[in-house]
Amino acid sequence: MSGIRLAAPYLDTSADQLSFTLDQPARPALAVRDVPAGETTVQLRLLGASHQVFAGPVRETVACLPGTAGGLPPAVEQEVEGWNYRFTARVLHYRRAEFADRVAALRERLEGRREALCGVFPGSPDAVTALAVERRGAALDWRTWHTYPQSRQIVATHTRLEAR
């Protein structure tokens, strides 16, 4: 079985409770991985309530945050301290057997990758938060997946960060 087994309750209850911010401080993390990417280090952070990615001036948080309304934007584009930042999110819905197959394939694809972090929450091998970063020339790309076994949804995000 691939992924880090997390010893924390699964706090996300549905995809629509996730919110997006670029200004959260570091939140308590269940697992952290620093990934060297040229002159920048990308920090992947698994939270009990989803994820944070820190890269250059960016502090991306996608999580269930107390006091913050849920609902991810489908896209965000902005300049962040001299960097071009682009974020997209989508919610994918699957039938029961297809959902389990998709989560298993994701976990297998990320297994052993130094530039990825995959956490499996107690109670279901399909309750997963996963992150992976890749350097593409002068740009950094990262993808995240948040899985919801109870509704058979996968929230997939893609972020690109490029120096201007």
Protein backbone atom coordinates (compact mmCIF):
# COMPACT_ATOMS: atom_id res chain seq x y z
CA MET A 1 0.00 0.00 0.00
CA SER A 2 1.54 3.31 -1.08
CA GLY A 3 1.47 6.66 0.70
CA ILE A 4 2.17 7.86 4.20
CA ARG A 5 -0.27 6.44 6.71
CA LEU A 6 -1.53 9.40 8.68
CA ALA A 7 -2.49 9.13 12.34
CA ALA A 8 -5.03 11.94 12.21
CA PRO A 9 -8.75 12.02 11.56
CA TYR A 10 -9.96 12.83 8.07
CA LEU A 11 -11.35 16.36 8.54
CA ASP A 12 -12.53 17.16 5.02
CA THR A 13 -16.13 16.12 4.66
CA SER A 14 -16.87 17.31 1.13
CA ALA A 15 -15.24 19.06 -1.79
CA ASP A 16 -17.46 22.12 -1.40
CA GLN A 17 -15.98 22.84 2.05
CA LEU A 18 -12.50 23.47 0.61
CA SER A 19 -11.41 27.09 0.39
CA PHE A 20 -8.47 28.73 -1.37
CA THR A 21 -6.10 31.39 -0.03
CA LEU A 22 -2.63 32.73 -0.77
CA ASP A 23 -2.07 34.43 2.57
CA GLN A 24 -2.26 31.75 5.27
CA PRO A 25 0.70 31.25 7.59
CA ALA A 26 2.06 27.74 8.01
CA ARG A 27 -0.61 25.57 9.59
CA PRO A 28 0.14 22.46 11.66
CA ALA A 29 1.21 19.79 9.19
CA LEU A 30 0.89 16.01 9.34
CA ALA A 31 3.76 15.60 6.85
CA VAL A 32 6.15 17.98 5.08
CA ARG A 33 8.49 17.47 2.16
CA ASP A 34 10.98 20.03 0.82
CA VAL A 35 11.63 19.63 -2.90
CA PRO A 36 14.63 21.45 -4.43
CA ALA A 37 13.61 23.13 -7.70
CA GLY A 38 16.51 25.12 -9.09
CA GLU A 39 17.03 28.24 -7.00
CA THR A 40 13.74 27.69 -5.20
CA THR A 41 12.67 25.06 -2.71
CA VAL A 42 9.04 23.99 -2.84
CA GLN A 43 7.57 22.86 0.45
CA LEU A 44 4.69 20.38 0.18
CA ARG A 45 2.57 20.27 3.36
CA LEU A 46 -0.18 17.75 4.16
CA LEU A 47 -2.71 19.14 6.60
CA GLY A 48 -5.48 17.36 8.46
CA ALA A 49 -7.77 19.64 6.46
CA SER A 50 -5.94 19.29 3.09
CA HIS A 51 -2.75 21.03 1.83
CA GLN A 52 -0.37 23.94 1.66
CA VAL A 53 2.37 24.55 -0.92
CA PHE A 54 5.06 27.15 -0.26
CA ALA A 55 7.15 28.22 -3.26
CA GLY A 56 8.98 31.53 -3.55
CA PRO A 57 6.53 34.21 -2.34
CA VAL A 58 3.49 31.93 -2.74
CA ARG A 59 1.72 30.41 0.28
CA GLU A 60 -1.06 28.41 -1.39
CA THR A 61 -3.58 26.84 0.95
CA VAL A 62 -6.47 24.63 -0.16
CA ALA A 63 -8.20 23.44 2.98
CA CYS A 64 -11.28 23.44 5.17
CA LEU A 65 -10.53 26.55 7.22
CA PRO A 66 -12.61 27.53 10.25
CA GLY A 67 -14.46 30.78 9.62
CA THR A 68 -13.75 30.71 5.88
CA ALA A 69 -16.50 30.00 3.36
CA GLY A 70 -15.96 26.91 1.24
CA GLY A 71 -15.89 26.77 -2.51
CA LEU A 72 -12.81 26.70 -4.71
CA PRO A 73 -12.49 29.14 -7.59
CA PRO A 74 -12.22 27.36 -10.95
CA ALA A 75 -9.23 29.58 -11.81
CA VAL A 76 -7.03 32.30 -10.30
CA GLU A 77 -4.39 34.31 -12.16
CA GLN A 78 -2.38 37.05 -10.56
CA GLU A 79 1.06 38.51 -10.04
CA VAL A 80 2.64 37.64 -6.70
CA GLU A 81 5.78 39.64 -5.92
CA GLY A 82 7.17 39.47 -9.45
CA TRP A 83 5.92 35.98 -10.23
CA ASN A 84 3.03 34.97 -12.48
CA TYR A 85 0.74 32.63 -10.57
CA ARG A 86 -2.01 30.53 -12.16
CA PHE A 87 -4.25 28.10 -10.24
CA THR A 88 -7.05 25.90 -11.57
CA ALA A 89 -9.34 23.50 -9.73
CA ARG A 90 -11.97 21.01 -10.78
CA VAL A 91 -14.15 18.49 -9.03
CA LEU A 92 -14.40 15.08 -10.70
CA HIS A 93 -17.23 12.65 -9.93
CA TYR A 94 -16.91 8.87 -10.33
CA ARG A 95 -18.91 5.68 -9.93
CA ARG A 96 -17.89 3.56 -6.93
CA ALA A 97 -15.57 1.05 -8.67
CA GLU A 98 -14.05 3.70 -10.93
CA PHE A 99 -13.33 5.98 -7.95
CA ALA A 100 -11.38 3.27 -6.11
CA ASP A 101 -9.42 2.46 -9.28
CA ARG A 102 -8.54 6.14 -9.83
CA VAL A 103 -7.30 6.57 -6.26
CA ALA A 104 -5.26 3.35 -6.45
CA ALA A 105 -3.68 4.49 -9.75
CA LEU A 106 -2.85 7.89 -8.25
CA ARG A 107 -1.19 6.34 -5.21
CA GLU A 108 0.79 3.95 -7.41
CA ARG A 109 1.89 6.75 -9.75
CA LEU A 110 3.25 8.84 -6.84
CA GLU A 111 4.83 5.96 -4.90
CA GLY A 112 8.52 6.55 -4.22
CA ARG A 113 8.68 9.91 -6.01
CA ARG A 114 10.92 12.35 -4.14
CA GLU A 115 8.97 15.29 -5.55
CA ALA A 116 5.61 14.00 -4.31
CA LEU A 117 3.82 13.55 -1.00
CA CYS A 118 0.81 11.29 -0.56
CA GLY A 119 -1.06 10.89 2.73
CA VAL A 120 -3.63 8.19 3.44
CA PHE A 121 -6.09 8.91 6.23
CA PRO A 122 -7.33 6.25 8.68
CA GLY A 123 -10.51 4.40 7.86
CA SER A 124 -10.23 4.16 4.07
CA PRO A 125 -7.38 3.57 1.62
CA ASP A 126 -9.31 5.92 -0.67
CA ALA A 127 -9.17 8.92 1.75
CA VAL A 128 -6.08 10.59 0.29
CA THR A 129 -4.46 13.98 -0.07
CA ALA A 130 -1.57 13.98 -2.56
CA LEU A 131 0.78 16.62 -3.97
CA ALA A 132 3.46 16.52 -6.68
CA VAL A 133 5.75 19.25 -8.02
CA GLU A 134 7.69 19.43 -11.28
CA ARG A 135 10.09 21.99 -12.67
CA ARG A 136 9.38 22.87 -16.32
CA GLY A 137 12.10 25.16 -17.59
CA ALA A 138 11.75 28.45 -15.70
CA ALA A 139 8.33 27.46 -14.35
CA LEU A 140 7.22 25.36 -11.41
CA ASP A 141 4.09 23.25 -11.72
CA TRP A 142 2.37 21.42 -8.93
CA ARG A 143 -0.72 19.28 -8.83
CA THR A 144 -2.80 18.20 -5.88
CA TRP A 145 -5.57 15.68 -5.37
CA HIS A 146 -8.08 15.53 -2.54
CA THR A 147 -10.25 12.44 -2.51
CA TYR A 148 -13.67 12.01 -0.92
CA PRO A 149 -14.69 8.34 -0.69
CA GLN A 150 -18.10 9.14 0.79
CA SER A 151 -19.14 11.14 -2.31
CA ARG A 152 -16.68 9.57 -4.79
CA GLN A 153 -15.24 12.95 -5.70
CA ILE A 154 -11.67 13.92 -6.48
CA VAL A 155 -10.68 17.56 -6.34
CA ALA A 156 -7.77 18.07 -8.74
CA THR A 157 -5.76 21.29 -8.76
CA HIS A 158 -2.97 22.51 -11.00
CA THR A 159 -0.74 25.48 -10.26
CA ARG A 160 1.94 27.13 -12.40
CA LEU A 161 4.40 29.64 -10.97
CA GLU A 162 6.74 31.52 -13.33
CA ALA A 163 9.22 34.30 -12.64
CA ARG A 164 8.29 37.39 -14.63
